[in-house]
N, C-alpha and C. Protein backbone atom coordinates (compact mmCIF):
# COMPACT_ATOMS: atom_id res chain seq x y z
N MET A 1 89.64 66.73 -24.02
CA MET A 1 88.98 68.02 -24.07
C MET A 1 88.56 68.30 -25.50
N ALA A 2 87.33 68.60 -25.71
CA ALA A 2 86.82 68.90 -27.05
C ALA A 2 87.02 70.38 -27.34
N TRP A 3 87.45 70.66 -28.55
CA TRP A 3 87.64 72.05 -28.97
C TRP A 3 86.38 72.57 -29.62
N GLN A 4 86.10 73.81 -29.35
CA GLN A 4 84.95 74.45 -29.99
C GLN A 4 85.35 74.87 -31.40
N LYS A 5 84.37 74.92 -32.27
CA LYS A 5 84.63 75.33 -33.65
C LYS A 5 85.28 76.71 -33.65
N GLY A 6 86.36 76.83 -34.41
CA GLY A 6 87.07 78.09 -34.51
C GLY A 6 88.11 78.30 -33.43
N GLN A 7 88.21 77.40 -32.45
CA GLN A 7 89.18 77.52 -31.37
C GLN A 7 90.45 76.76 -31.75
N SER A 8 91.58 77.38 -31.54
CA SER A 8 92.84 76.75 -31.89
C SER A 8 93.17 75.63 -30.93
N GLY A 9 93.72 74.54 -31.45
CA GLY A 9 94.20 73.45 -30.61
C GLY A 9 95.56 73.76 -30.01
N ASN A 10 96.18 74.84 -30.47
CA ASN A 10 97.48 75.25 -29.95
C ASN A 10 97.47 76.77 -29.81
N PRO A 11 96.75 77.27 -28.81
CA PRO A 11 96.59 78.72 -28.69
C PRO A 11 97.89 79.46 -28.43
N GLY A 12 98.90 78.78 -27.86
CA GLY A 12 100.18 79.44 -27.60
C GLY A 12 101.05 79.54 -28.84
N GLY A 13 100.67 78.88 -29.91
CA GLY A 13 101.46 78.89 -31.13
C GLY A 13 102.64 77.95 -31.04
N ARG A 14 103.54 78.08 -31.98
CA ARG A 14 104.73 77.24 -32.05
C ARG A 14 105.63 77.50 -30.85
N ASN A 15 106.36 76.47 -30.41
CA ASN A 15 107.28 76.61 -29.29
C ASN A 15 108.37 77.61 -29.65
N LYS A 16 108.53 78.60 -28.82
CA LYS A 16 109.51 79.65 -29.09
C LYS A 16 110.79 79.45 -28.28
N GLU A 17 110.94 78.31 -27.63
CA GLU A 17 112.09 78.01 -26.79
C GLU A 17 113.25 77.48 -27.62
N LYS A 18 113.73 78.26 -28.56
CA LYS A 18 114.86 77.84 -29.39
C LYS A 18 115.93 78.91 -29.33
N ALA A 19 116.34 79.26 -28.12
CA ALA A 19 117.27 80.36 -27.94
C ALA A 19 118.61 80.10 -28.64
N PHE A 20 119.15 78.87 -28.51
CA PHE A 20 120.44 78.58 -29.13
C PHE A 20 120.34 78.63 -30.65
N THR A 21 119.29 78.04 -31.20
CA THR A 21 119.10 78.05 -32.65
C THR A 21 118.99 79.49 -33.16
N ASP A 22 118.21 80.29 -32.46
CA ASP A 22 118.05 81.69 -32.87
C ASP A 22 119.38 82.45 -32.78
N ALA A 23 120.14 82.23 -31.70
CA ALA A 23 121.43 82.90 -31.55
C ALA A 23 122.42 82.45 -32.62
N LEU A 24 122.39 81.16 -32.93
CA LEU A 24 123.27 80.63 -33.97
C LEU A 24 122.93 81.22 -35.33
N ARG A 25 121.64 81.33 -35.61
CA ARG A 25 121.21 81.91 -36.89
C ARG A 25 121.68 83.37 -37.01
N VAL A 26 121.59 84.12 -35.92
CA VAL A 26 122.06 85.51 -35.93
C VAL A 26 123.57 85.55 -36.16
N ALA A 27 124.30 84.68 -35.45
CA ALA A 27 125.77 84.69 -35.55
C ALA A 27 126.25 84.35 -36.95
N VAL A 28 125.68 83.34 -37.59
CA VAL A 28 126.18 82.95 -38.91
C VAL A 28 125.77 83.93 -40.00
N ASN A 29 124.77 84.75 -39.73
CA ASN A 29 124.36 85.73 -40.72
C ASN A 29 125.08 87.06 -40.58
N GLU A 30 125.96 87.16 -39.59
CA GLU A 30 126.77 88.38 -39.44
C GLU A 30 127.95 88.34 -40.40
N ASP A 31 128.46 89.51 -40.72
CA ASP A 31 129.66 89.60 -41.55
C ASP A 31 130.90 89.37 -40.70
N ASP A 32 131.92 88.75 -41.30
CA ASP A 32 133.20 88.61 -40.60
C ASP A 32 134.01 89.88 -40.78
N ALA A 33 135.29 89.86 -40.38
CA ALA A 33 136.14 91.05 -40.44
C ALA A 33 136.33 91.56 -41.86
N GLU A 34 136.19 90.67 -42.85
CA GLU A 34 136.39 91.06 -44.25
C GLU A 34 135.08 91.39 -44.95
N GLY A 35 133.98 91.40 -44.22
CA GLY A 35 132.69 91.76 -44.80
C GLY A 35 131.97 90.61 -45.48
N VAL A 36 132.42 89.38 -45.25
CA VAL A 36 131.80 88.20 -45.85
C VAL A 36 130.96 87.52 -44.76
N LYS A 37 129.79 87.06 -45.13
CA LYS A 37 128.92 86.37 -44.16
C LYS A 37 129.64 85.15 -43.59
N LYS A 38 129.51 84.96 -42.27
CA LYS A 38 130.15 83.81 -41.62
C LYS A 38 129.59 82.50 -42.17
N LEU A 39 128.32 82.48 -42.51
CA LEU A 39 127.74 81.27 -43.08
C LEU A 39 128.43 80.90 -44.39
N ARG A 40 128.78 81.89 -45.18
CA ARG A 40 129.50 81.65 -46.43
C ARG A 40 130.86 81.02 -46.15
N ARG A 41 131.55 81.52 -45.14
CA ARG A 41 132.86 80.97 -44.77
C ARG A 41 132.72 79.51 -44.32
N ILE A 42 131.67 79.21 -43.54
CA ILE A 42 131.43 77.84 -43.09
C ILE A 42 131.19 76.93 -44.28
N ALA A 43 130.38 77.38 -45.23
CA ALA A 43 130.09 76.60 -46.43
C ALA A 43 131.36 76.35 -47.23
N GLU A 44 132.20 77.37 -47.35
CA GLU A 44 133.45 77.22 -48.09
C GLU A 44 134.36 76.20 -47.42
N LYS A 45 134.42 76.20 -46.08
CA LYS A 45 135.26 75.22 -45.38
C LYS A 45 134.71 73.80 -45.57
N LEU A 46 133.39 73.66 -45.56
CA LEU A 46 132.79 72.35 -45.80
C LEU A 46 133.15 71.84 -47.19
N VAL A 47 133.03 72.71 -48.19
CA VAL A 47 133.37 72.31 -49.56
C VAL A 47 134.86 71.98 -49.66
N ALA A 48 135.71 72.75 -48.99
CA ALA A 48 137.15 72.47 -49.02
C ALA A 48 137.46 71.10 -48.42
N CYS A 49 136.79 70.76 -47.34
CA CYS A 49 136.99 69.43 -46.73
C CYS A 49 136.52 68.34 -47.69
N ALA A 50 135.40 68.57 -48.36
CA ALA A 50 134.89 67.58 -49.31
C ALA A 50 135.86 67.39 -50.48
N VAL A 51 136.39 68.49 -50.99
CA VAL A 51 137.34 68.43 -52.10
C VAL A 51 138.62 67.72 -51.66
N ALA A 52 138.99 67.87 -50.39
CA ALA A 52 140.19 67.22 -49.87
C ALA A 52 139.98 65.73 -49.63
N GLY A 53 138.76 65.25 -49.84
CA GLY A 53 138.51 63.82 -49.73
C GLY A 53 137.91 63.37 -48.41
N GLU A 54 137.53 64.30 -47.55
CA GLU A 54 136.90 63.94 -46.28
C GLU A 54 135.50 63.38 -46.58
N SER A 55 135.32 62.08 -46.34
CA SER A 55 134.06 61.44 -46.73
C SER A 55 132.86 62.01 -45.99
N TRP A 56 133.04 62.41 -44.72
CA TRP A 56 131.91 62.98 -43.98
C TRP A 56 131.45 64.29 -44.63
N ALA A 57 132.41 65.06 -45.15
CA ALA A 57 132.08 66.34 -45.78
C ALA A 57 131.41 66.11 -47.13
N VAL A 58 131.89 65.11 -47.88
CA VAL A 58 131.25 64.78 -49.15
C VAL A 58 129.79 64.41 -48.90
N GLN A 59 129.55 63.60 -47.86
CA GLN A 59 128.18 63.19 -47.51
C GLN A 59 127.32 64.39 -47.14
N GLN A 60 127.87 65.31 -46.36
CA GLN A 60 127.12 66.50 -45.96
C GLN A 60 126.72 67.34 -47.18
N VAL A 61 127.67 67.53 -48.09
CA VAL A 61 127.38 68.31 -49.30
C VAL A 61 126.32 67.61 -50.14
N ALA A 62 126.47 66.31 -50.33
CA ALA A 62 125.49 65.56 -51.13
C ALA A 62 124.10 65.61 -50.50
N ASP A 63 124.03 65.45 -49.19
CA ASP A 63 122.73 65.48 -48.51
C ASP A 63 122.05 66.84 -48.66
N ARG A 64 122.84 67.89 -48.67
CA ARG A 64 122.24 69.22 -48.77
C ARG A 64 121.88 69.60 -50.20
N LEU A 65 122.60 69.08 -51.16
CA LEU A 65 122.29 69.39 -52.55
C LEU A 65 121.20 68.49 -53.13
N ASP A 66 121.28 67.21 -52.83
CA ASP A 66 120.34 66.25 -53.41
C ASP A 66 119.27 65.78 -52.43
N GLY A 67 119.44 66.07 -51.16
CA GLY A 67 118.54 65.53 -50.14
C GLY A 67 119.00 64.15 -49.74
N LYS A 68 118.64 63.76 -48.53
CA LYS A 68 119.03 62.43 -48.06
C LYS A 68 118.23 61.38 -48.82
N PRO A 69 118.86 60.25 -49.15
CA PRO A 69 118.12 59.19 -49.83
C PRO A 69 117.06 58.59 -48.91
N ALA A 70 115.98 58.14 -49.49
CA ALA A 70 114.92 57.51 -48.71
C ALA A 70 115.45 56.23 -48.10
N GLN A 71 115.08 56.00 -46.84
CA GLN A 71 115.51 54.77 -46.18
C GLN A 71 114.49 53.68 -46.44
N GLU A 72 115.01 52.50 -46.70
CA GLU A 72 114.14 51.35 -46.91
C GLU A 72 114.04 50.58 -45.61
N SER A 73 112.85 50.19 -45.25
CA SER A 73 112.64 49.41 -44.04
C SER A 73 112.19 48.01 -44.41
N THR A 74 112.69 47.05 -43.67
CA THR A 74 112.30 45.67 -43.90
C THR A 74 111.66 45.14 -42.62
N LEU A 75 110.53 44.49 -42.77
CA LEU A 75 109.82 43.92 -41.64
C LEU A 75 109.60 42.45 -41.93
N THR A 76 110.08 41.60 -41.03
CA THR A 76 109.88 40.16 -41.18
C THR A 76 108.99 39.68 -40.05
N ILE A 77 107.92 39.01 -40.39
CA ILE A 77 106.98 38.50 -39.40
C ILE A 77 106.88 37.00 -39.60
N ASP A 78 107.15 36.24 -38.54
CA ASP A 78 107.11 34.78 -38.62
C ASP A 78 105.67 34.30 -38.48
N ASP A 79 104.85 34.56 -39.50
CA ASP A 79 103.44 34.18 -39.44
C ASP A 79 103.00 33.53 -40.76
N LYS A 80 103.96 33.17 -41.60
CA LYS A 80 103.67 32.52 -42.88
C LYS A 80 102.86 33.42 -43.82
N ARG A 81 102.74 34.69 -43.50
CA ARG A 81 102.08 35.64 -44.39
C ARG A 81 103.06 36.76 -44.69
N ASP A 82 102.96 37.31 -45.86
CA ASP A 82 103.75 38.47 -46.20
C ASP A 82 103.22 39.67 -45.42
N ALA A 83 104.10 40.57 -45.03
CA ALA A 83 103.69 41.75 -44.26
C ALA A 83 102.62 42.55 -45.00
N THR A 84 102.64 42.51 -46.33
CA THR A 84 101.64 43.26 -47.09
C THR A 84 100.24 42.64 -46.99
N ASP A 85 100.15 41.40 -46.50
CA ASP A 85 98.85 40.75 -46.34
C ASP A 85 98.19 41.08 -45.01
N TRP A 86 98.92 41.68 -44.10
CA TRP A 86 98.38 42.02 -42.79
C TRP A 86 97.52 43.28 -42.91
N THR A 87 96.53 43.37 -42.05
CA THR A 87 95.74 44.60 -42.01
C THR A 87 96.54 45.65 -41.25
N ARG A 88 96.17 46.89 -41.43
CA ARG A 88 96.84 47.98 -40.71
C ARG A 88 96.72 47.77 -39.21
N ASP A 89 95.55 47.39 -38.73
CA ASP A 89 95.34 47.17 -37.29
C ASP A 89 96.26 46.07 -36.76
N GLU A 90 96.42 44.98 -37.54
CA GLU A 90 97.31 43.91 -37.11
C GLU A 90 98.75 44.39 -37.02
N LEU A 91 99.20 45.16 -38.01
CA LEU A 91 100.57 45.67 -37.99
C LEU A 91 100.79 46.64 -36.84
N VAL A 92 99.82 47.52 -36.61
CA VAL A 92 99.95 48.47 -35.50
C VAL A 92 100.02 47.73 -34.18
N ALA A 93 99.16 46.75 -34.00
CA ALA A 93 99.17 45.97 -32.75
C ALA A 93 100.48 45.21 -32.61
N PHE A 94 100.97 44.63 -33.70
CA PHE A 94 102.23 43.89 -33.66
C PHE A 94 103.38 44.80 -33.26
N LEU A 95 103.48 45.96 -33.90
CA LEU A 95 104.57 46.88 -33.59
C LEU A 95 104.45 47.42 -32.18
N GLY A 96 103.22 47.66 -31.73
CA GLY A 96 103.03 48.10 -30.35
C GLY A 96 103.47 47.04 -29.36
N ASN A 97 103.13 45.79 -29.64
CA ASN A 97 103.54 44.70 -28.77
C ASN A 97 105.06 44.52 -28.80
N ALA A 98 105.66 44.64 -29.98
CA ALA A 98 107.11 44.48 -30.10
C ALA A 98 107.83 45.57 -29.31
N GLY A 99 107.29 46.79 -29.34
CA GLY A 99 107.90 47.88 -28.58
C GLY A 99 107.75 47.71 -27.09
N ASN A 100 106.75 46.95 -26.65
CA ASN A 100 106.52 46.72 -25.23
C ASN A 100 107.21 45.46 -24.74
N GLY A 101 107.96 44.78 -25.62
CA GLY A 101 108.66 43.57 -25.22
C GLY A 101 107.79 42.34 -25.24
N SER A 102 106.61 42.42 -25.86
CA SER A 102 105.72 41.27 -25.95
C SER A 102 106.20 40.33 -27.04
N ASN A 103 105.57 39.18 -27.16
CA ASN A 103 105.98 38.20 -28.16
C ASN A 103 105.36 38.44 -29.53
N GLY A 104 104.72 39.53 -29.78
CA GLY A 104 104.31 39.83 -31.13
C GLY A 104 102.83 39.83 -31.39
N ALA A 105 102.41 39.25 -32.53
CA ALA A 105 101.11 39.48 -33.10
C ALA A 105 100.03 38.51 -32.65
N ALA A 106 100.29 37.64 -31.72
CA ALA A 106 99.28 36.66 -31.33
C ALA A 106 98.00 37.35 -30.88
N LYS A 107 98.14 38.47 -30.18
CA LYS A 107 96.96 39.19 -29.71
C LYS A 107 96.26 39.92 -30.85
N ALA A 108 97.03 40.35 -31.85
CA ALA A 108 96.45 41.13 -32.93
C ALA A 108 95.61 40.27 -33.87
N ASN A 109 96.02 39.02 -34.11
CA ASN A 109 95.30 38.23 -35.10
C ASN A 109 94.71 36.95 -34.53
N GLY A 110 94.88 36.73 -33.21
CA GLY A 110 94.25 35.60 -32.57
C GLY A 110 94.96 34.28 -32.77
N ARG A 111 96.08 34.27 -33.48
CA ARG A 111 96.82 33.03 -33.69
C ARG A 111 97.99 32.97 -32.74
N GLY A 112 98.31 31.79 -32.30
CA GLY A 112 99.48 31.61 -31.45
C GLY A 112 100.68 31.33 -32.32
N GLY A 113 101.68 30.70 -31.77
CA GLY A 113 102.85 30.35 -32.55
C GLY A 113 104.09 30.86 -31.91
N GLY A 114 105.17 30.77 -32.65
CA GLY A 114 106.47 31.22 -32.14
C GLY A 114 106.55 32.72 -32.05
N PRO A 115 107.64 33.20 -31.48
CA PRO A 115 107.81 34.66 -31.35
C PRO A 115 107.99 35.30 -32.73
N ASP A 116 107.48 36.48 -32.84
CA ASP A 116 107.64 37.26 -34.07
C ASP A 116 108.92 38.07 -33.94
N SER A 117 109.45 38.50 -35.06
CA SER A 117 110.66 39.30 -35.02
C SER A 117 110.54 40.46 -35.98
N VAL A 118 111.15 41.56 -35.61
CA VAL A 118 111.20 42.75 -36.45
C VAL A 118 112.66 43.00 -36.76
N HIS A 119 113.00 43.11 -38.03
CA HIS A 119 114.38 43.35 -38.44
C HIS A 119 114.46 44.67 -39.14
């Protein structure tokens, strides 16, 4: 369906079906019996667990303060070429074929050979 100029591709707007998330946000922003925000209490417990040596808590604190580290991906293609030498179309076709259980890039680049592998 083609959109007319000035017509929104998403006239309904963002999905508003996040009832649990909205309820959770309201709950953690309420004050507890002592007048302290519940979210503050949760943060304090997380920090206490991290200080006590809980590795999962240390990771949570680090991820929130510094952000999660970028993940490195490695792709190995048994085609005697480095992955950086492939065209975008060849890589897209290869990954599409790999996701469909096909034997890899033979269709993308016209060469036969052994099965390709993605690691």
